[in-house]
PDB file of all heavy atoms in Angstrom:
ATOM      1  N   LEU A   1       0.815  -1.216   0.000  1.00  0.00           N
ATOM      2  CA  LEU A   1       0.000   0.000   0.000  1.00  0.00           C
ATOM      3  C   LEU A   1       0.845   1.261   0.000  1.00  0.00           C
ATOM      4  O   LEU A   1       0.572   2.203  -0.756  1.00  0.00           O
ATOM      5  CB  LEU A   1      -0.926  -0.004   1.215  1.00  0.00           C
ATOM      6  CG  LEU A   1      -1.846   1.209   1.356  1.00  0.00           C
ATOM      7  CD1 LEU A   1      -2.794   1.314   0.167  1.00  0.00           C
ATOM      8  CD2 LEU A   1      -2.622   1.141   2.663  1.00  0.00           C
ATOM      9  N   ILE A   2       1.876   1.293   0.838  1.00  0.00           N
ATOM     10  CA  ILE A   2       2.633   2.547   0.928  1.00  0.00           C
ATOM     11  C   ILE A   2       3.526   2.779  -0.277  1.00  0.00           C
ATOM     12  O   ILE A   2       4.100   3.867  -0.415  1.00  0.00           O
ATOM     13  CB  ILE A   2       3.442   2.629   2.235  1.00  0.00           C
ATOM     14  CG1 ILE A   2       4.536   1.572   2.279  1.00  0.00           C
ATOM     15  CG2 ILE A   2       2.519   2.555   3.447  1.00  0.00           C
ATOM     16  CD1 ILE A   2       5.518   1.789   3.421  1.00  0.00           C
ATOM     17  N   SER A   3       3.626   1.791  -1.168  1.00  0.00           N
ATOM     18  CA  SER A   3       4.342   2.060  -2.422  1.00  0.00           C
ATOM     19  C   SER A   3       3.626   3.130  -3.238  1.00  0.00           C
ATOM     20  O   SER A   3       4.238   3.783  -4.083  1.00  0.00           O
ATOM     21  CB  SER A   3       4.485   0.778  -3.244  1.00  0.00           C
ATOM     22  OG  SER A   3       3.232   0.355  -3.782  1.00  0.00           O
ATOM     23  N   PHE A   4       2.347   3.336  -2.960  1.00  0.00           N
ATOM     24  CA  PHE A   4       1.574   4.366  -3.667  1.00  0.00           C
ATOM     25  C   PHE A   4       1.634   5.713  -2.966  1.00  0.00           C
ATOM     26  O   PHE A   4       1.042   6.683  -3.454  1.00  0.00           O
ATOM     27  CB  PHE A   4       0.115   3.910  -3.798  1.00  0.00           C
ATOM     28  CG  PHE A   4      -0.043   2.633  -4.567  1.00  0.00           C
ATOM     29  CD1 PHE A   4      -0.229   1.422  -3.901  1.00  0.00           C
ATOM     30  CD2 PHE A   4       0.022   2.614  -5.946  1.00  0.00           C
ATOM     31  CE1 PHE A   4      -0.364   0.232  -4.606  1.00  0.00           C
ATOM     32  CE2 PHE A   4      -0.098   1.433  -6.664  1.00  0.00           C
ATOM     33  CZ  PHE A   4      -0.293   0.240  -5.985  1.00  0.00           C
ATOM     34  N   LEU A   5       2.340   5.791  -1.837  1.00  0.00           N
ATOM     35  CA  LEU A   5       2.478   7.029  -1.088  1.00  0.00           C
ATOM     36  C   LEU A   5       3.796   7.728  -1.391  1.00  0.00           C
ATOM     37  O   LEU A   5       4.828   7.080  -1.575  1.00  0.00           O
ATOM     38  CB  LEU A   5       2.451   6.747   0.416  1.00  0.00           C
ATOM     39  CG  LEU A   5       1.129   6.765   1.169  1.00  0.00           C
ATOM     40  CD1 LEU A   5       1.392   6.452   2.642  1.00  0.00           C
ATOM     41  CD2 LEU A   5       0.406   8.085   1.029  1.00  0.00           C
ATOM     42  N   LYS A   6       3.752   9.057  -1.390  1.00  0.00           N
ATOM     43  CA  LYS A   6       4.984   9.831  -1.467  1.00  0.00           C
ATOM     44  C   LYS A   6       5.758   9.683  -0.158  1.00  0.00           C
ATOM     45  O   LYS A   6       5.169   9.411   0.893  1.00  0.00           O
ATOM     46  CB  LYS A   6       4.648  11.309  -1.697  1.00  0.00           C
ATOM     47  CG  LYS A   6       3.924  11.592  -2.999  1.00  0.00           C
ATOM     48  CD  LYS A   6       3.536  13.061  -3.097  1.00  0.00           C
ATOM     49  CE  LYS A   6       2.788  13.343  -4.387  1.00  0.00           C
ATOM     50  NZ  LYS A   6       2.343  14.756  -4.480  1.00  0.00           N
ATOM     51  N   PRO A   7       7.080   9.876  -0.161  1.00  0.00           N
ATOM     52  CA  PRO A   7       7.828   9.879   1.096  1.00  0.00           C
ATOM     53  C   PRO A   7       7.239  10.914   2.056  1.00  0.00           C
ATOM     54  O   PRO A   7       6.937  12.043   1.658  1.00  0.00           O
ATOM     55  CB  PRO A   7       9.242  10.261   0.662  1.00  0.00           C
ATOM     56  CG  PRO A   7       9.325   9.799  -0.766  1.00  0.00           C
ATOM     57  CD  PRO A   7       7.953  10.041  -1.341  1.00  0.00           C
ATOM     58  N   GLY A   8       7.041  10.522   3.293  1.00  0.00           N
ATOM     59  CA  GLY A   8       6.436  11.412   4.272  1.00  0.00           C
ATOM     60  C   GLY A   8       4.923  11.411   4.253  1.00  0.00           C
ATOM     61  O   GLY A   8       4.291  12.012   5.127  1.00  0.00           O
ATOM     62  N   GLY A   9       4.317  10.737   3.266  1.00  0.00           N
ATOM     63  CA  GLY A   9       2.865  10.648   3.204  1.00  0.00           C
ATOM     64  C   GLY A   9       2.316   9.826   4.351  1.00  0.00           C
ATOM     65  O   GLY A   9       3.029   9.028   4.969  1.00  0.00           O
ATOM     66  N   ARG A  10       1.037  10.035   4.641  1.00  0.00           N
ATOM     67  CA  ARG A  10       0.437   9.353   5.784  1.00  0.00           C
ATOM     68  C   ARG A  10      -0.658   8.385   5.349  1.00  0.00           C
ATOM     69  O   ARG A  10      -1.382   8.634   4.385  1.00  0.00           O
ATOM     70  CB  ARG A  10      -0.132  10.370   6.785  1.00  0.00           C
ATOM     71  CG  ARG A  10       0.950  11.221   7.422  1.00  0.00           C
ATOM     72  CD  ARG A  10       0.499  11.917   8.682  1.00  0.00           C
ATOM     73  NE  ARG A  10       1.615  12.623   9.309  1.00  0.00           N
ATOM     74  CZ  ARG A  10       1.609  13.077  10.559  1.00  0.00           C
ATOM     75  NH1 ARG A  10       0.537  12.917  11.321  1.00  0.00           N
ATOM     76  NH2 ARG A  10       2.666  13.692  11.049  1.00  0.00           N
ATOM     77  N   VAL A  11      -0.756   7.298   6.103  1.00  0.00           N
ATOM     78  CA  VAL A  11      -1.832   6.333   5.929  1.00  0.00           C
ATOM     79  C   VAL A  11      -2.593   6.268   7.246  1.00  0.00           C
ATOM     80  O   VAL A  11      -1.994   6.180   8.320  1.00  0.00           O
ATOM     81  CB  VAL A  11      -1.296   4.940   5.514  1.00  0.00           C
ATOM     82  CG1 VAL A  11      -0.238   4.429   6.466  1.00  0.00           C
ATOM     83  CG2 VAL A  11      -2.437   3.938   5.405  1.00  0.00           C
ATOM     84  N   GLY A  12      -3.926   6.346   7.163  1.00  0.00           N
ATOM     85  CA  GLY A  12      -4.749   6.300   8.362  1.00  0.00           C
ATOM     86  C   GLY A  12      -5.909   5.349   8.184  1.00  0.00           C
ATOM     87  O   GLY A  12      -6.581   5.375   7.147  1.00  0.00           O
ATOM     88  N   VAL A  13      -6.147   4.508   9.178  1.00  0.00           N
ATOM     89  CA  VAL A  13      -7.239   3.553   9.098  1.00  0.00           C
ATOM     90  C   VAL A  13      -8.087   3.621  10.357  1.00  0.00           C
ATOM     91  O   VAL A  13      -7.581   3.874  11.463  1.00  0.00           O
ATOM     92  CB  VAL A  13      -6.728   2.109   8.886  1.00  0.00           C
ATOM     93  CG1 VAL A  13      -5.829   2.029   7.664  1.00  0.00           C
ATOM     94  CG2 VAL A  13      -6.025   1.565  10.106  1.00  0.00           C
ATOM     95  N   ALA A  14      -9.382   3.402  10.166  1.00  0.00           N
ATOM     96  CA  ALA A  14     -10.329   3.201  11.265  1.00  0.00           C
ATOM     97  C   ALA A  14     -10.922   1.821  11.061  1.00  0.00           C
ATOM     98  O   ALA A  14     -11.539   1.551  10.025  1.00  0.00           O
ATOM     99  CB  ALA A  14     -11.420   4.263  11.237  1.00  0.00           C
ATOM    100  N   THR A  15     -10.719   0.935  12.020  1.00  0.00           N
ATOM    101  CA  THR A  15     -11.070  -0.465  11.831  1.00  0.00           C
ATOM    102  C   THR A  15     -11.651  -1.036  13.118  1.00  0.00           C
ATOM    103  O   THR A  15     -11.212  -0.655  14.220  1.00  0.00           O
ATOM    104  CB  THR A  15      -9.820  -1.260  11.381  1.00  0.00           C
ATOM    105  OG1 THR A  15     -10.164  -2.625  11.183  1.00  0.00           O
ATOM    106  CG2 THR A  15      -8.695  -1.163  12.382  1.00  0.00           C
ATOM    107  N   PRO A  16     -12.645  -1.934  13.021  1.00  0.00           N
ATOM    108  CA  PRO A  16     -13.201  -2.538  14.237  1.00  0.00           C
ATOM    109  C   PRO A  16     -12.106  -3.172  15.079  1.00  0.00           C
ATOM    110  O   PRO A  16     -11.142  -3.741  14.555  1.00  0.00           O
ATOM    111  CB  PRO A  16     -14.169  -3.598  13.700  1.00  0.00           C
ATOM    112  CG  PRO A  16     -14.532  -3.130  12.335  1.00  0.00           C
ATOM    113  CD  PRO A  16     -13.299  -2.454  11.807  1.00  0.00           C
ATOM    114  N   SER A  17     -12.292  -3.068  16.384  1.00  0.00           N
ATOM    115  CA  SER A  17     -11.248  -3.502  17.305  1.00  0.00           C
ATOM    116  C   SER A  17     -11.877  -4.143  18.535  1.00  0.00           C
ATOM    117  O   SER A  17     -12.994  -3.803  18.926  1.00  0.00           O
ATOM    118  CB  SER A  17     -10.407  -2.294  17.732  1.00  0.00           C
ATOM    119  OG  SER A  17      -9.488  -2.623  18.755  1.00  0.00           O
ATOM    120  N   LEU A  18     -11.155  -5.058  19.139  1.00  0.00           N
ATOM    121  CA  LEU A  18     -11.449  -5.508  20.489  1.00  0.00           C
ATOM    122  C   LEU A  18     -10.427  -4.859  21.426  1.00  0.00           C
ATOM    123  O   LEU A  18      -9.310  -4.537  21.015  1.00  0.00           O
ATOM    124  CB  LEU A  18     -11.361  -7.029  20.586  1.00  0.00           C
ATOM    125  CG  LEU A  18     -12.351  -7.808  19.712  1.00  0.00           C
ATOM    126  CD1 LEU A  18     -12.114  -9.308  19.863  1.00  0.00           C
ATOM    127  CD2 LEU A  18     -13.790  -7.462  20.061  1.00  0.00           C
ATOM    128  N   THR A  19     -10.804  -4.665  22.648  1.00  0.00           N
ATOM    129  CA  THR A  19      -9.873  -4.050  23.599  1.00  0.00           C
ATOM    130  C   THR A  19      -8.806  -5.025  24.081  1.00  0.00           C
ATOM    131  O   THR A  19      -7.831  -4.616  24.705  1.00  0.00           O
ATOM    132  CB  THR A  19     -10.634  -3.486  24.807  1.00  0.00           C
ATOM    133  OG1 THR A  19     -11.382  -4.547  25.428  1.00  0.00           O
ATOM    134  CG2 THR A  19     -11.588  -2.384  24.373  1.00  0.00           C
ATOM    135  N   LYS A  20      -9.018  -6.325  23.796  1.00  0.00           N
ATOM    136  CA  LYS A  20      -8.025  -7.347  24.091  1.00  0.00           C
ATOM    137  C   LYS A  20      -7.915  -8.264  22.885  1.00  0.00           C
ATOM    138  O   LYS A  20      -8.891  -8.490  22.178  1.00  0.00           O
ATOM    139  CB  LYS A  20      -8.431  -8.162  25.323  1.00  0.00           C
ATOM    140  CG  LYS A  20      -8.574  -7.334  26.593  1.00  0.00           C
ATOM    141  CD  LYS A  20      -9.079  -8.197  27.745  1.00  0.00           C
ATOM    142  CE  LYS A  20      -9.282  -7.359  29.001  1.00  0.00           C
ATOM    143  NZ  LYS A  20      -9.849  -8.167  30.120  1.00  0.00           N
ATOM    144  N   GLU A  21      -6.727  -8.797  22.645  1.00  0.00           N
ATOM    145  CA  GLU A  21      -6.536  -9.686  21.516  1.00  0.00           C
ATOM    146  C   GLU A  21      -7.289 -11.012  21.722  1.00  0.00           C
ATOM    147  O   GLU A  21      -7.358 -11.530  22.842  1.00  0.00           O
ATOM    148  CB  GLU A  21      -5.048  -9.974  21.300  1.00  0.00           C
ATOM    149  CG  GLU A  21      -4.294  -8.817  20.667  1.00  0.00           C
ATOM    150  CD  GLU A  21      -4.791  -8.504  19.264  1.00  0.00           C
ATOM    151  OE1 GLU A  21      -4.933  -9.443  18.457  1.00  0.00           O
ATOM    152  OE2 GLU A  21      -5.038  -7.319  18.985  1.00  0.00           O
ATOM    153  N   VAL A  22      -7.845 -11.545  20.645  1.00  0.00           N
ATOM    154  CA  VAL A  22      -8.600 -12.798  20.712  1.00  0.00           C
ATOM    155  C   VAL A  22      -7.751 -13.913  21.320  1.00  0.00           C
ATOM    156  O   VAL A  22      -8.240 -14.721  22.125  1.00  0.00           O
ATOM    157  CB  VAL A  22      -9.103 -13.203  19.315  1.00  0.00           C
ATOM    158  CG1 VAL A  22      -9.599 -14.642  19.308  1.00  0.00           C
ATOM    159  CG2 VAL A  22     -10.212 -12.257  18.857  1.00  0.00           C
ATOM    160  N   ALA A  23      -6.479 -13.956  20.961  1.00  0.00           N
ATOM    161  CA  ALA A  23      -5.601 -15.005  21.497  1.00  0.00           C
ATOM    162  C   ALA A  23      -5.533 -14.946  23.016  1.00  0.00           C
ATOM    163  O   ALA A  23      -5.515 -15.981  23.696  1.00  0.00           O
ATOM    164  CB  ALA A  23      -4.204 -14.884  20.895  1.00  0.00           C
ATOM    165  N   GLY A  24      -5.525 -13.736  23.557  1.00  0.00           N
ATOM    166  CA  GLY A  24      -5.476 -13.577  25.006  1.00  0.00           C
ATOM    167  C   GLY A  24      -6.788 -13.896  25.688  1.00  0.00           C
ATOM    168  O   GLY A  24      -6.823 -14.190  26.885  1.00  0.00           O
ATOM    169  N   LEU A  25      -7.870 -13.847  24.915  1.00  0.00           N
ATOM    170  CA  LEU A  25      -9.189 -14.171  25.453  1.00  0.00           C
ATOM    171  C   LEU A  25      -9.487 -15.659  25.384  1.00  0.00           C
ATOM    172  O   LEU A  25     -10.487 -16.125  25.937  1.00  0.00           O
ATOM    173  CB  LEU A  25     -10.274 -13.406  24.681  1.00  0.00           C
ATOM    174  CG  LEU A  25     -10.262 -11.884  24.810  1.00  0.00           C
ATOM    175  CD1 LEU A  25     -11.221 -11.262  23.790  1.00  0.00           C
ATOM    176  CD2 LEU A  25     -10.654 -11.462  26.228  1.00  0.00           C
ATOM    177  N   GLY A  26      -8.644 -16.396  24.665  1.00  0.00           N
ATOM    178  CA  GLY A  26      -8.868 -17.821  24.517  1.00  0.00           C
ATOM    179  C   GLY A  26      -9.863 -18.177  23.430  1.00  0.00           C
ATOM    180  O   GLY A  26     -10.293 -19.332  23.315  1.00  0.00           O
ATOM    181  N   GLY A  27     -10.224 -17.205  22.623  1.00  0.00           N
ATOM    182  CA  GLY A  27     -11.168 -17.436  21.534  1.00  0.00           C
ATOM    183  C   GLY A  27     -12.061 -16.226  21.332  1.00  0.00           C
ATOM    184  O   GLY A  27     -12.041 -15.275  22.122  1.00  0.00           O
ATOM    185  N   ILE A  28     -12.827 -16.243  20.265  1.00  0.00           N
ATOM    186  CA  ILE A  28     -13.756 -15.155  19.984  1.00  0.00           C
ATOM    187  C   ILE A  28     -14.905 -15.230  20.984  1.00  0.00           C
ATOM    188  O   ILE A  28     -15.538 -16.288  21.118  1.00  0.00           O
ATOM    189  CB  ILE A  28     -14.293 -15.253  18.547  1.00  0.00           C
ATOM    190  CG1 ILE A  28     -13.144 -15.197  17.542  1.00  0.00           C
ATOM    191  CG2 ILE A  28     -15.298 -14.141  18.258  1.00  0.00           C
ATOM    192  CD1 ILE A  28     -13.555 -15.513  16.119  1.00  0.00           C
ATOM    193  N   PRO A  29     -15.202 -14.160  21.703  1.00  0.00           N
ATOM    194  CA  PRO A  29     -16.314 -14.195  22.661  1.00  0.00           C
ATOM    195  C   PRO A  29     -17.623 -14.589  21.980  1.00  0.00           C
ATOM    196  O   PRO A  29     -17.860 -14.231  20.826  1.00  0.00           O
ATOM    197  CB  PRO A  29     -16.367 -12.751  23.181  1.00  0.00           C
ATOM    198  CG  PRO A  29     -14.980 -12.229  22.977  1.00  0.00           C
ATOM    199  CD  PRO A  29     -14.499 -12.876  21.707  1.00  0.00           C
ATOM    200  N   ASP A  30     -18.463 -15.297  22.698  1.00  0.00           N
ATOM    201  CA  ASP A  30     -19.682 -15.842  22.110  1.00  0.00           C
ATOM    202  C   ASP A  30     -20.562 -14.770  21.489  1.00  0.00           C
ATOM    203  O   ASP A  30     -21.107 -14.953  20.387  1.00  0.00           O
ATOM    204  CB  ASP A  30     -20.485 -16.601  23.168  1.00  0.00           C
ATOM    205  CG  ASP A  30     -19.830 -17.921  23.562  1.00  0.00           C
ATOM    206  OD1 ASP A  30     -18.943 -18.384  22.818  1.00  0.00           O
ATOM    207  OD2 ASP A  30     -20.197 -18.469  24.615  1.00  0.00           O
ATOM    208  N   HIS A  31     -20.717 -13.636  22.167  1.00  0.00           N
ATOM    209  CA  HIS A  31     -21.633 -12.610  21.651  1.00  0.00           C
ATOM    210  C   HIS A  31     -21.098 -11.975  20.368  1.00  0.00           C
ATOM    211  O   HIS A  31     -21.878 -11.528  19.530  1.00  0.00           O
ATOM    212  CB  HIS A  31     -21.921 -11.533  22.706  1.00  0.00           C
ATOM    213  CG  HIS A  31     -20.735 -10.721  23.119  1.00  0.00           C
ATOM    214  ND1 HIS A  31     -19.722 -11.213  23.909  1.00  0.00           N
ATOM    215  CD2 HIS A  31     -20.394  -9.422  22.853  1.00  0.00           C
ATOM    216  CE1 HIS A  31     -18.824 -10.270  24.134  1.00  0.00           C
ATOM    217  NE2 HIS A  31     -19.204  -9.172  23.488  1.00  0.00           N
ATOM    218  N   VAL A  32     -19.770 -11.976  20.190  1.00  0.00           N
ATOM    219  CA  VAL A  32     -19.169 -11.475  18.955  1.00  0.00           C
ATOM    220  C   VAL A  32     -19.242 -12.546  17.871  1.00  0.00           C
ATOM    221  O   VAL A  32     -19.574 -12.259  16.714  1.00  0.00           O
ATOM    222  CB  VAL A  32     -17.708 -11.042  19.201  1.00  0.00           C
ATOM    223  CG1 VAL A  32     -17.067 -10.565  17.901  1.00  0.00           C
ATOM    224  CG2 VAL A  32     -17.652  -9.934  20.256  1.00  0.00           C
ATOM    225  N   ALA A  33     -18.973 -13.786  18.242  1.00  0.00           N
ATOM    226  CA  ALA A  33     -19.002 -14.891  17.274  1.00  0.00           C
ATOM    227  C   ALA A  33     -20.393 -15.054  16.666  1.00  0.00           C
ATOM    228  O   ALA A  33     -20.519 -15.365  15.474  1.00  0.00           O
ATOM    229  CB  ALA A  33     -18.565 -16.184  17.944  1.00  0.00           C
ATOM    230  N   ARG A  34     -21.444 -14.854  17.472  1.00  0.00           N
ATOM    231  CA  ARG A  34     -22.803 -15.005  16.942  1.00  0.00           C
ATOM    232  C   ARG A  34     -23.105 -13.985  15.855  1.00  0.00           C
ATOM    233  O   ARG A  34     -23.932 -14.217  14.972  1.00  0.00           O
ATOM    234  CB  ARG A  34     -23.824 -14.885  18.075  1.00  0.00           C
ATOM    235  CG  ARG A  34     -23.907 -16.104  18.977  1.00  0.00           C
ATOM    236  CD  ARG A  34     -25.134 -16.048  19.869  1.00  0.00           C
ATOM    237  NE  ARG A  34     -25.099 -14.943  20.802  1.00  0.00           N
ATOM    238  CZ  ARG A  34     -24.552 -14.984  22.022  1.00  0.00           C
ATOM    239  NH1 ARG A  34     -23.983 -16.121  22.450  1.00  0.00           N
ATOM    240  NH2 ARG A  34     -24.568 -13.936  22.817  1.00  0.00           N
ATOM    241  N   CYS A  35     -22.424 -12.841  15.895  1.00  0.00           N
ATOM    242  CA  CYS A  35     -22.687 -11.764  14.925  1.00  0.00           C
ATOM    243  C   CYS A  35     -21.765 -11.844  13.719  1.00  0.00           C
ATOM    244  O   CYS A  35     -22.230 -11.790  12.581  1.00  0.00           O
ATOM    245  CB  CYS A  35     -22.544 -10.413  15.611  1.00  0.00           C
ATOM    246  SG  CYS A  35     -22.906  -8.994  14.548  1.00  0.00           S
ATOM    247  N   VAL A  36     -20.471 -11.991  13.949  1.00  0.00           N
ATOM    248  CA  VAL A  36     -19.514 -11.897  12.838  1.00  0.00           C
ATOM    249  C   VAL A  36     -18.661 -13.139  12.647  1.00  0.00           C
ATOM    250  O   VAL A  36     -17.917 -13.230  11.670  1.00  0.00           O
ATOM    251  CB  VAL A  36     -18.596 -10.664  13.000  1.00  0.00           C
ATOM    252  CG1 VAL A  36     -19.414  -9.386  12.972  1.00  0.00           C
ATOM    253  CG2 VAL A  36     -17.772 -10.745  14.277  1.00  0.00           C
ATOM    254  N   GLY A  37     -18.753 -14.101  13.570  1.00  0.00           N
ATOM    255  CA  GLY A  37     -17.999 -15.338  13.404  1.00  0.00           C
ATOM    256  C   GLY A  37     -16.497 -15.121  13.384  1.00  0.00           C
ATOM    257  O   GLY A  37     -15.957 -14.275  14.096  1.00  0.00           O
ATOM    258  N   TRP A  38     -15.819 -15.883  12.516  1.00  0.00           N
ATOM    259  CA  TRP A  38     -14.355 -15.862  12.470  1.00  0.00           C
ATOM    260  C   TRP A  38     -13.781 -14.526  12.020  1.00  0.00           C
ATOM    261  O   TRP A  38     -12.599 -14.247  12.237  1.00  0.00           O
ATOM    262  CB  TRP A  38     -13.840 -16.966  11.543  1.00  0.00           C
ATOM    263  CG  TRP A  38     -14.313 -16.821  10.124  1.00  0.00           C
ATOM    264  CD1 TRP A  38     -15.406 -17.406   9.559  1.00  0.00           C
ATOM    265  CD2 TRP A  38     -13.710 -16.019   9.100  1.00  0.00           C
ATOM    266  NE1 TRP A  38     -15.534 -17.021   8.240  1.00  0.00           N
ATOM    267  CE2 TRP A  38     -14.496 -16.170   7.930  1.00  0.00           C
ATOM    268  CE3 TRP A  38     -12.590 -15.203   9.040  1.00  0.00           C
ATOM    269  CZ2 TRP A  38     -14.204 -15.521   6.739  1.00  0.00           C
ATOM    270  CZ3 TRP A  38     -12.290 -14.558   7.850  1.00  0.00           C
ATOM    271  CH2 TRP A  38     -13.091 -14.717   6.718  1.00  0.00           C
ATOM    272  N   GLU A  39     -14.598 -13.657  11.398  1.00  0.00           N
ATOM    273  CA  GLU A  39     -14.075 -12.370  10.931  1.00  0.00           C
ATOM    274  C   GLU A  39     -13.525 -11.517  12.077  1.00  0.00           C
ATOM    275  O   GLU A  39     -12.693 -10.630  11.858  1.00  0.00           O
ATOM    276  CB  GLU A  39     -15.160 -11.599  10.182  1.00  0.00           C
ATOM    277  CG  GLU A  39     -15.523 -12.216   8.839  1.00  0.00           C
ATOM    278  CD  GLU A  39     -16.452 -11.344   8.024  1.00  0.00           C
ATOM    279  OE1 GLU A  39     -16.609 -10.155   8.369  1.00  0.00           O
ATOM    280  OE2 GLU A  39     -17.013 -11.847   7.041  1.00  0.00           O
ATOM    281  N   ALA A  40     -13.973 -11.788  13.298  1.00  0.00           N
ATOM    282  CA  ALA A  40     -13.459 -11.030  14.442  1.00  0.00           C
ATOM    283  C   ALA A  40     -11.984 -11.292  14.691  1.00  0.00           C
ATOM    284  O   ALA A  40     -11.339 -10.554  15.450  1.00  0.00           O
ATOM    285  CB  ALA A  40     -14.269 -11.357  15.695  1.00  0.00           C
ATOM    286  N   LEU A  41     -11.414 -12.299  14.052  1.00  0.00           N
ATOM    287  CA  LEU A  41      -9.966 -12.533  14.163  1.00  0.00           C
ATOM    288  C   LEU A  41      -9.165 -11.371  13.592  1.00  0.00           C
ATOM    289  O   LEU A  41      -7.971 -11.218  13.901  1.00  0.00           O
ATOM    290  CB  LEU A  41      -9.585 -13.830  13.443  1.00  0.00           C
ATOM    291  CG  LEU A  41     -10.124 -15.125  14.070  1.00  0.00           C
ATOM    292  CD1 LEU A  41      -9.826 -16.311  13.152  1.00  0.00           C
ATOM    293  CD2 LEU A  41      -9.524 -15.348  15.450  1.00  0.00           C
ATOM    294  N   ALA A  42      -9.790 -10.556  12.767  1.00  0.00           N
ATOM    295  CA  ALA A  42      -9.121  -9.383  12.183  1.00  0.00           C
ATOM    296  C   ALA A  42      -9.371  -8.113  12.989  1.00  0.00           C
ATOM    297  O   ALA A  42      -8.916  -7.040  12.588  1.00  0.00           O
ATOM    298  CB  ALA A  42      -9.592  -9.181  10.746  1.00  0.00           C
ATOM    299  N   TRP A  43     -10.068  -8.218  14.111  1.00  0.00           N
ATOM    300  CA  TRP A  43     -10.391  -7.046  14.934  1.00  0.00           C
ATOM    301  C   TRP A  43      -9.322  -6.891  16.014  1.00  0.00           C
ATOM    302  O   TRP A  43      -9.476  -7.371  17.135  1.00  0.00           O
ATOM    303  CB  TRP A  43     -11.769  -7.193  15.550  1.00  0.00           C
ATOM    304  CG  TRP A  43     -12.894  -7.125  14.547  1.00  0.00           C
ATOM    305  CD1 TRP A  43     -12.794  -7.100  13.189  1.00  0.00           C
ATOM    306  CD2 TRP A  43     -14.288  -7.063  14.846  1.00  0.00           C
ATOM    307  NE1 TRP A  43     -14.040  -7.034  12.616  1.00  0.00           N
ATOM    308  CE2 TRP A  43     -14.970  -7.010  13.594  1.00  0.00           C
ATOM    309  CE3 TRP A  43     -15.029  -7.061  16.019  1.00  0.00           C
ATOM    310  CZ2 TRP A  43     -16.370  -6.943  13.515  1.00  0.00           C
ATOM    311  CZ3 TRP A  43     -16.407  -6.998  15.935  1.00  0.00           C
ATOM    312  CH2 TRP A  43     -17.076  -6.931  14.699  1.00  0.00           C
ATOM    313  N   HIS A  44      -8.252  -6.197  15.665  1.00  0.00           N
ATOM    314  CA  HIS A  44      -7.090  -6.109  16.546  1.00  0.00           C
ATOM    315  C   HIS A  44      -7.054  -4.803  17.343  1.00  0.00           C
ATOM    316  O   HIS A  44      -7.700  -3.811  16.990  1.00  0.00           O
ATOM    317  CB  HIS A  44      -5.811  -6.235  15.717  1.00  0.00           C
ATOM    318  CG  HIS A  44      -5.615  -7.600  15.135  1.00  0.00           C
ATOM    319  ND1 HIS A  44      -5.330  -8.701  15.911  1.00  0.00           N
ATOM    320  CD2 HIS A  44      -5.673  -8.051  13.848  1.00  0.00           C
ATOM    321  CE1 HIS A  44      -5.215  -9.768  15.143  1.00  0.00           C
ATOM    322  NE2 HIS A  44      -5.419  -9.405  13.891  1.00  0.00           N
TER     323      HIS A  44
END
């Protein structure tokens, strides 16, 4: 992605997040899994 940026250019993202990593929780919480399933693995 940053190959398309000029030197000094900025990249900014807003992305769904959990306040703790899934690995530290021992898995995707049930209430999140019921809604989005495995996609929550990308919510860092």
